Amino acid sequence: MPIEIFCCYAHEDRQFLHELQIHLRMLQRQGLIGIWHDRDISAGTEWEQEISKHLNEAHIILLLISPAFMASDFCYGIEMKRALERHERDEAQVIPVILRPVYWKQAPFSHLQALPINAKPITSSSWHLRDEAFFDVAEGITKIVASMRSEG
């Protein structure tokens, strides 16, 4: 059974979500993970209930951190809050993924290990290519998935 991943992101960061999905595609092809985000909601569906359902069922919750995420009342105030509640109860693992530079050191998730390595934003000029940053994120998620699967 695949490990379900919920992606919490601000709509302004849709391109980053798309790139992340491409880098995680091999894990999906292997049947190791399933990825869900709000773009998967069908027309006519009550979107808030659908988001809540998937947020409450996910094994891994990715917080795609950017200035837009931090400014979003829905991402920051509702989705992140619920994700951290589940994390504290060991129901899910929350992983911040730092997309763009933003002050997050005092955020409620600041105690969690972030990706990419050293919480260096994906857009940082210290990455030669953005693909290197996404590769680092994919490697980190792969390790977590392997650990979860071995724990069974």
Protein backbone atom coordinates (compact mmCIF):
# COMPACT_ATOMS: atom_id res chain seq x y z
CA MET A 1 0.00 0.00 0.00
CA PRO A 2 1.45 3.39 -0.96
CA ILE A 3 2.35 5.98 1.64
CA GLU A 4 0.04 8.94 1.13
CA ILE A 5 1.62 12.38 0.84
CA PHE A 6 -0.41 15.57 1.25
CA CYS A 7 1.06 18.74 -0.27
CA CYS A 8 0.16 21.96 1.49
CA TYR A 9 1.14 24.94 -0.64
CA ALA A 10 0.09 28.44 -1.66
CA HIS A 11 -1.37 28.65 -5.14
CA GLU A 12 1.30 31.17 -6.11
CA ASP A 13 3.79 28.29 -5.76
CA ARG A 14 1.99 25.93 -8.14
CA GLN A 15 5.07 25.64 -10.40
CA PHE A 16 7.17 24.41 -7.48
CA LEU A 17 4.52 21.79 -6.67
CA HIS A 18 4.61 20.61 -10.28
CA GLU A 19 8.42 20.32 -10.25
CA LEU A 20 8.34 18.42 -6.95
CA GLN A 21 5.81 15.97 -8.36
CA ILE A 22 8.10 15.31 -11.33
CA HIS A 23 10.99 14.52 -8.99
CA LEU A 24 8.82 12.18 -6.90
CA ARG A 25 7.32 10.42 -9.93
CA MET A 26 9.67 7.41 -9.68
CA LEU A 27 8.42 6.69 -6.15
CA GLN A 28 4.87 6.83 -7.52
CA ARG A 29 5.72 4.50 -10.42
CA GLN A 30 7.14 2.02 -7.90
CA GLY A 31 3.87 2.15 -5.96
CA LEU A 32 5.64 3.48 -2.87
CA ILE A 33 3.76 6.79 -2.59
CA GLY A 34 0.61 8.55 -3.62
CA ILE A 35 0.60 12.35 -3.81
CA TRP A 36 -2.48 14.48 -3.21
CA HIS A 37 -3.04 18.23 -3.43
CA ASP A 38 -6.04 20.48 -3.91
CA ARG A 39 -5.74 20.44 -7.72
CA ASP A 40 -7.00 16.83 -7.50
CA ILE A 41 -10.44 18.00 -6.34
CA SER A 42 -13.16 17.28 -8.89
CA ALA A 43 -15.71 19.84 -9.97
CA GLY A 44 -18.79 19.84 -7.76
CA THR A 45 -16.90 18.45 -4.77
CA GLU A 46 -17.04 20.31 -1.46
CA TRP A 47 -13.40 21.38 -1.49
CA GLU A 48 -12.97 22.10 2.21
CA GLN A 49 -14.25 18.64 3.19
CA GLU A 50 -12.05 16.98 0.55
CA ILE A 51 -8.94 18.80 1.77
CA SER A 52 -9.75 17.91 5.37
CA LYS A 53 -10.27 14.24 4.45
CA HIS A 54 -6.90 13.93 2.70
CA LEU A 55 -5.10 15.98 5.34
CA ASN A 56 -6.44 13.63 8.02
CA GLU A 57 -5.46 10.47 6.08
CA ALA A 58 -1.97 11.41 4.89
CA HIS A 59 1.10 9.67 6.28
CA ILE A 60 3.42 12.50 5.21
CA ILE A 61 2.44 16.16 5.00
CA LEU A 62 4.72 18.45 3.01
CA LEU A 63 4.56 22.14 3.88
CA LEU A 64 5.87 24.00 0.82
CA ILE A 65 7.22 27.10 2.56
CA SER A 66 7.41 30.47 0.84
CA PRO A 67 6.35 34.05 1.56
CA ALA A 68 2.99 33.23 -0.06
CA PHE A 69 2.54 30.19 2.22
CA MET A 70 3.36 32.22 5.32
CA ALA A 71 0.90 34.94 4.24
CA SER A 72 -1.94 32.52 3.46
CA ASP A 73 -4.53 32.29 6.24
CA PHE A 74 -5.72 28.93 4.90
CA CYS A 75 -2.27 27.32 4.52
CA TYR A 76 -0.78 28.75 7.71
CA GLY A 77 -3.83 28.91 9.94
CA ILE A 78 -5.82 25.84 8.96
CA GLU A 79 -3.79 23.25 7.05
CA MET A 80 -0.50 23.74 8.89
CA LYS A 81 -2.21 23.82 12.28
CA ARG A 82 -3.98 20.51 11.58
CA ALA A 83 -0.80 18.97 10.16
CA LEU A 84 1.17 19.84 13.29
CA GLU A 85 -1.58 18.43 15.52
CA ARG A 86 -1.32 15.13 13.67
CA HIS A 87 2.48 15.26 13.81
CA GLU A 88 2.48 15.79 17.58
CA ARG A 89 0.20 12.75 17.99
CA ASP A 90 2.52 10.65 15.75
CA GLU A 91 -0.26 10.21 13.21
CA ALA A 92 1.72 11.80 10.37
CA GLN A 93 5.16 13.14 9.64
CA VAL A 94 5.32 16.83 8.71
CA ILE A 95 8.19 17.98 6.53
CA PRO A 96 8.77 21.65 5.72
CA VAL A 97 10.19 22.12 2.22
CA ILE A 98 11.73 25.57 1.89
CA LEU A 99 10.90 26.88 -1.58
CA ARG A 100 11.86 30.54 -1.38
CA PRO A 101 13.61 32.71 1.18
CA VAL A 102 11.25 33.73 3.96
CA TYR A 103 11.58 34.22 7.69
CA TRP A 104 10.24 31.04 9.30
CA LYS A 105 12.50 30.50 12.31
CA GLN A 106 9.75 31.46 14.80
CA ALA A 107 7.00 29.53 12.97
CA PRO A 108 5.25 26.65 14.75
CA PHE A 109 7.08 24.16 12.50
CA SER A 110 10.56 25.65 13.04
CA HIS A 111 11.55 22.75 15.34
CA LEU A 112 11.16 20.28 12.45
CA GLN A 113 14.02 19.28 10.17
CA ALA A 114 13.40 20.93 6.81
CA LEU A 115 14.37 20.03 3.27
CA PRO A 116 16.45 20.67 1.21
CA ILE A 117 19.61 20.09 3.24
CA ASN A 118 20.37 22.85 5.74
CA ALA A 119 16.96 24.36 4.92
CA LYS A 120 18.57 26.08 1.93
CA PRO A 121 15.68 27.40 -0.22
CA ILE A 122 15.13 25.71 -3.56
CA THR A 123 15.55 29.08 -5.28
CA SER A 124 18.89 29.79 -3.57
CA SER A 125 21.68 30.74 -5.95
CA SER A 126 23.94 28.30 -4.10
CA TRP A 127 22.20 25.47 -5.97
CA HIS A 128 23.73 25.27 -9.45
CA LEU A 129 20.42 24.04 -10.82
CA ARG A 130 16.98 23.98 -9.25
CA ASP A 131 16.86 20.28 -10.12
CA GLU A 132 19.70 19.71 -7.62
CA ALA A 133 17.56 21.16 -4.85
CA PHE A 134 14.54 19.07 -5.85
CA PHE A 135 16.78 15.98 -6.07
CA ASP A 136 17.87 16.64 -2.48
CA VAL A 137 14.22 16.93 -1.40
CA ALA A 138 13.32 13.72 -3.26
CA GLU A 139 16.22 11.89 -1.58
CA GLY A 140 15.05 13.07 1.84
CA ILE A 141 11.49 11.96 1.18
CA THR A 142 12.73 8.62 -0.18
CA LYS A 143 14.59 7.95 3.09
CA ILE A 144 11.50 8.78 5.14
CA VAL A 145 9.30 6.55 2.97
CA ALA A 146 11.79 3.67 3.31
CA SER A 147 11.85 4.14 7.09
CA MET A 148 8.04 4.18 7.30
CA ARG A 149 7.76 1.05 5.16
CA SER A 150 10.32 -0.83 7.25
CA GLU A 151 8.43 0.07 10.43
CA GLY A 152 5.39 -1.39 8.73
